[in-house]
Amino acid sequence: MYATASCPYCIRAEQLLRERGVVDLEKIRTDLAPEQRALMIKVSGRRTVPQIFIGDYHVGGCDELFALDRAGKLEPLLCGTAS
C-alpha cells in the first residue's frame, strides 16, 4: 500500500486491512521517498494515496477497498480464493 503518514484515508484503509487479518502489510511511504511516489503513479496511473495492491491486483484507493469489502470480495481476495 502506497501511503503517507497523515492521510486519513490511508489510516482507514490500513485499519480495515488489519481488521480483515492482514499482518504483513507493506506500507510504502511516498511522503518519505519521492521516488516511490513516481513509481506509484507509474504502476497505478493515479496520483492520490492510498493506492492499494493485493498481490498484483490493483484495488485502487480507500473507497474502492471499502466497496470491495461491502461486496464480500475483499476477504476472498486476501485469501487468494477470489474468482
N, C-alpha and C. Protein backbone atom coordinates (compact mmCIF):
# COMPACT_ATOMS: atom_id res chain seq x y z
N MET A 1 0.84 -1.17 0.00
CA MET A 1 0.00 0.00 0.00
C MET A 1 0.89 1.24 0.00
N TYR A 2 0.68 2.09 -0.98
CA TYR A 2 1.35 3.39 -1.01
C TYR A 2 0.56 4.33 -0.11
N ALA A 3 1.26 5.04 0.78
CA ALA A 3 0.57 5.85 1.77
C ALA A 3 1.46 7.01 2.23
N THR A 4 0.84 7.91 2.99
CA THR A 4 1.57 8.94 3.72
C THR A 4 1.16 8.83 5.18
N ALA A 5 1.93 9.44 6.06
CA ALA A 5 1.69 9.31 7.50
C ALA A 5 0.40 9.98 7.95
N SER A 6 0.07 11.11 7.37
CA SER A 6 -1.06 11.89 7.89
C SER A 6 -2.35 11.75 7.08
N CYS A 7 -2.37 10.90 6.10
CA CYS A 7 -3.55 10.74 5.25
C CYS A 7 -4.64 9.94 5.98
N PRO A 8 -5.81 10.56 6.21
CA PRO A 8 -6.87 9.83 6.92
C PRO A 8 -7.39 8.63 6.13
N TYR A 9 -7.36 8.71 4.82
CA TYR A 9 -7.82 7.59 4.00
C TYR A 9 -6.84 6.41 4.10
N CYS A 10 -5.57 6.73 4.18
CA CYS A 10 -4.55 5.69 4.36
C CYS A 10 -4.74 4.98 5.69
N ILE A 11 -5.02 5.76 6.72
CA ILE A 11 -5.23 5.20 8.06
C ILE A 11 -6.46 4.31 8.07
N ARG A 12 -7.54 4.76 7.46
CA ARG A 12 -8.77 3.94 7.39
C ARG A 12 -8.55 2.66 6.60
N ALA A 13 -7.85 2.76 5.48
CA ALA A 13 -7.60 1.58 4.66
C ALA A 13 -6.75 0.58 5.43
N GLU A 14 -5.71 1.06 6.09
CA GLU A 14 -4.86 0.16 6.87
C GLU A 14 -5.66 -0.50 7.99
N GLN A 15 -6.51 0.28 8.64
CA GLN A 15 -7.32 -0.27 9.72
C GLN A 15 -8.23 -1.39 9.22
N LEU A 16 -8.87 -1.19 8.07
CA LEU A 16 -9.73 -2.23 7.51
C LEU A 16 -8.93 -3.48 7.17
N LEU A 17 -7.78 -3.28 6.55
CA LEU A 17 -6.96 -4.44 6.19
C LEU A 17 -6.53 -5.21 7.44
N ARG A 18 -6.16 -4.50 8.49
CA ARG A 18 -5.78 -5.15 9.75
C ARG A 18 -6.97 -5.91 10.34
N GLU A 19 -8.16 -5.30 10.29
CA GLU A 19 -9.37 -5.96 10.78
C GLU A 19 -9.68 -7.24 10.01
N ARG A 20 -9.27 -7.26 8.75
CA ARG A 20 -9.51 -8.45 7.92
C ARG A 20 -8.35 -9.45 8.00
N GLY A 21 -7.43 -9.22 8.93
CA GLY A 21 -6.40 -10.21 9.20
C GLY A 21 -5.06 -9.99 8.52
N VAL A 22 -4.88 -8.89 7.84
CA VAL A 22 -3.60 -8.63 7.19
C VAL A 22 -2.57 -8.26 8.26
N VAL A 23 -1.52 -9.06 8.36
CA VAL A 23 -0.48 -8.80 9.35
C VAL A 23 0.82 -8.34 8.71
N ASP A 24 1.02 -8.68 7.46
CA ASP A 24 2.27 -8.32 6.78
C ASP A 24 2.06 -7.25 5.72
N LEU A 25 1.41 -6.18 6.13
CA LEU A 25 1.13 -5.06 5.23
C LEU A 25 2.42 -4.30 4.92
N GLU A 26 2.73 -4.20 3.65
CA GLU A 26 3.89 -3.42 3.23
C GLU A 26 3.40 -2.01 2.92
N LYS A 27 3.82 -1.07 3.75
CA LYS A 27 3.44 0.32 3.56
C LYS A 27 4.62 1.07 2.95
N ILE A 28 4.38 1.65 1.78
CA ILE A 28 5.41 2.41 1.09
C ILE A 28 5.06 3.88 1.27
N ARG A 29 5.87 4.57 2.02
CA ARG A 29 5.61 5.97 2.39
C ARG A 29 6.10 6.91 1.29
N THR A 30 5.16 7.45 0.55
CA THR A 30 5.51 8.36 -0.53
C THR A 30 5.92 9.73 -0.03
N ASP A 31 5.58 10.05 1.22
CA ASP A 31 5.99 11.33 1.79
C ASP A 31 7.45 11.31 2.21
N LEU A 32 7.99 10.13 2.44
CA LEU A 32 9.39 10.00 2.85
C LEU A 32 10.32 9.69 1.68
N ALA A 33 9.74 9.16 0.61
CA ALA A 33 10.55 8.74 -0.54
C ALA A 33 9.87 9.20 -1.84
N PRO A 34 10.22 10.40 -2.32
CA PRO A 34 9.58 10.94 -3.52
C PRO A 34 9.69 10.02 -4.74
N GLU A 35 10.77 9.27 -4.83
CA GLU A 35 10.91 8.34 -5.96
C GLU A 35 9.84 7.25 -5.92
N GLN A 36 9.36 6.92 -4.71
CA GLN A 36 8.28 5.93 -4.59
C GLN A 36 6.96 6.51 -5.09
N ARG A 37 6.76 7.80 -4.92
CA ARG A 37 5.55 8.45 -5.44
C ARG A 37 5.53 8.36 -6.96
N ALA A 38 6.67 8.60 -7.59
CA ALA A 38 6.76 8.49 -9.04
C ALA A 38 6.46 7.07 -9.49
N LEU A 39 6.97 6.10 -8.76
CA LEU A 39 6.71 4.69 -9.09
C LEU A 39 5.23 4.37 -8.90
N MET A 40 4.63 4.88 -7.82
CA MET A 40 3.20 4.66 -7.57
C MET A 40 2.36 5.17 -8.73
N ILE A 41 2.68 6.36 -9.21
CA ILE A 41 1.94 6.95 -10.33
C ILE A 41 2.10 6.08 -11.58
N LYS A 42 3.31 5.58 -11.78
CA LYS A 42 3.57 4.75 -12.96
C LYS A 42 2.79 3.43 -12.91
N VAL A 43 2.77 2.76 -11.76
CA VAL A 43 2.13 1.45 -11.68
C VAL A 43 0.62 1.51 -11.49
N SER A 44 0.13 2.62 -10.91
CA SER A 44 -1.31 2.69 -10.65
C SER A 44 -2.05 3.62 -11.61
N GLY A 45 -1.31 4.57 -12.20
CA GLY A 45 -1.95 5.56 -13.04
C GLY A 45 -2.68 6.63 -12.25
N ARG A 46 -2.48 6.64 -10.94
CA ARG A 46 -3.16 7.60 -10.07
C ARG A 46 -2.14 8.37 -9.25
N ARG A 47 -2.55 9.56 -8.79
CA ARG A 47 -1.65 10.44 -8.05
C ARG A 47 -1.97 10.52 -6.56
N THR A 48 -3.09 9.98 -6.14
CA THR A 48 -3.51 10.11 -4.75
C THR A 48 -3.19 8.85 -3.94
N VAL A 49 -3.05 9.04 -2.63
CA VAL A 49 -2.86 7.91 -1.73
C VAL A 49 -4.12 7.74 -0.90
N PRO A 50 -4.39 6.53 -0.47
CA PRO A 50 -3.58 5.35 -0.68
C PRO A 50 -3.82 4.73 -2.05
N GLN A 51 -2.85 3.99 -2.50
CA GLN A 51 -3.02 3.10 -3.65
C GLN A 51 -2.70 1.72 -3.11
N ILE A 52 -3.67 0.84 -3.21
CA ILE A 52 -3.60 -0.46 -2.55
C ILE A 52 -3.49 -1.56 -3.59
N PHE A 53 -2.53 -2.42 -3.36
CA PHE A 53 -2.33 -3.60 -4.18
C PHE A 53 -2.43 -4.82 -3.29
N ILE A 54 -3.15 -5.81 -3.76
CA ILE A 54 -3.18 -7.11 -3.08
C ILE A 54 -2.57 -8.08 -4.07
N GLY A 55 -1.35 -8.47 -3.77
CA GLY A 55 -0.58 -9.21 -4.76
C GLY A 55 -0.35 -8.29 -5.94
N ASP A 56 -0.65 -8.78 -7.12
CA ASP A 56 -0.51 -7.97 -8.33
C ASP A 56 -1.79 -7.20 -8.67
N TYR A 57 -2.85 -7.44 -7.90
CA TYR A 57 -4.14 -6.82 -8.19
C TYR A 57 -4.19 -5.41 -7.61
N HIS A 58 -4.46 -4.43 -8.46
CA HIS A 58 -4.58 -3.03 -8.02
C HIS A 58 -6.02 -2.78 -7.59
N VAL A 59 -6.22 -2.65 -6.29
CA VAL A 59 -7.55 -2.39 -5.74
C VAL A 59 -7.98 -0.97 -6.06
N GLY A 60 -7.06 -0.03 -5.89
CA GLY A 60 -7.36 1.39 -6.05
C GLY A 60 -7.13 2.07 -4.72
N GLY A 61 -8.02 2.99 -4.37
CA GLY A 61 -7.89 3.75 -3.14
C GLY A 61 -8.77 3.22 -2.03
N CYS A 62 -8.95 4.04 -1.02
CA CYS A 62 -9.72 3.67 0.16
C CYS A 62 -11.18 3.36 -0.19
N ASP A 63 -11.79 4.20 -1.01
CA ASP A 63 -13.19 3.97 -1.37
C ASP A 63 -13.37 2.64 -2.08
N GLU A 64 -12.46 2.31 -2.98
CA GLU A 64 -12.56 1.04 -3.71
C GLU A 64 -12.35 -0.14 -2.76
N LEU A 65 -11.44 0.02 -1.80
CA LEU A 65 -11.20 -1.05 -0.82
C LEU A 65 -12.46 -1.32 0.00
N PHE A 66 -13.09 -0.25 0.48
CA PHE A 66 -14.31 -0.43 1.27
C PHE A 66 -15.45 -0.99 0.42
N ALA A 67 -15.55 -0.60 -0.84
CA ALA A 67 -16.58 -1.14 -1.73
C ALA A 67 -16.35 -2.62 -1.96
N LEU A 68 -15.11 -3.02 -2.12
CA LEU A 68 -14.77 -4.43 -2.29
C LEU A 68 -15.19 -5.22 -1.05
N ASP A 69 -14.94 -4.64 0.11
CA ASP A 69 -15.32 -5.29 1.37
C ASP A 69 -16.83 -5.41 1.48
N ARG A 70 -17.56 -4.33 1.18
CA ARG A 70 -19.02 -4.37 1.27
C ARG A 70 -19.61 -5.40 0.32
N ALA A 71 -18.96 -5.60 -0.82
CA ALA A 71 -19.45 -6.57 -1.81
C ALA A 71 -19.06 -8.00 -1.44
N GLY A 72 -18.33 -8.16 -0.34
CA GLY A 72 -17.92 -9.50 0.09
C GLY A 72 -16.77 -10.07 -0.72
N LYS A 73 -16.04 -9.21 -1.42
CA LYS A 73 -14.98 -9.69 -2.29
C LYS A 73 -13.58 -9.46 -1.74
N LEU A 74 -13.47 -8.72 -0.64
CA LEU A 74 -12.14 -8.44 -0.09
C LEU A 74 -11.52 -9.67 0.55
N GLU A 75 -12.24 -10.33 1.44
CA GLU A 75 -11.65 -11.48 2.14
C GLU A 75 -11.24 -12.59 1.18
N PRO A 76 -12.07 -12.95 0.17
CA PRO A 76 -11.60 -13.97 -0.78
C PRO A 76 -10.33 -13.52 -1.52
N LEU A 77 -10.22 -12.24 -1.82
CA LEU A 77 -9.03 -11.72 -2.49
C LEU A 77 -7.81 -11.84 -1.56
N LEU A 78 -8.01 -11.52 -0.30
CA LEU A 78 -6.93 -11.62 0.67
C LEU A 78 -6.49 -13.07 0.89
N CYS A 79 -7.44 -13.98 0.79
CA CYS A 79 -7.15 -15.40 0.99
C CYS A 79 -6.66 -16.09 -0.28
N GLY A 80 -6.70 -15.36 -1.39
CA GLY A 80 -6.28 -15.94 -2.65
C GLY A 80 -7.31 -16.84 -3.29
N THR A 81 -8.59 -16.67 -2.87
CA THR A 81 -9.65 -17.51 -3.42
C THR A 81 -10.64 -16.74 -4.27
N ALA A 82 -10.27 -15.51 -4.65
CA ALA A 82 -11.17 -14.69 -5.47
C ALA A 82 -11.27 -15.28 -6.87
N SER A 83 -12.46 -15.18 -7.43
CA SER A 83 -12.64 -15.68 -8.80
C SER A 83 -12.85 -14.55 -9.77
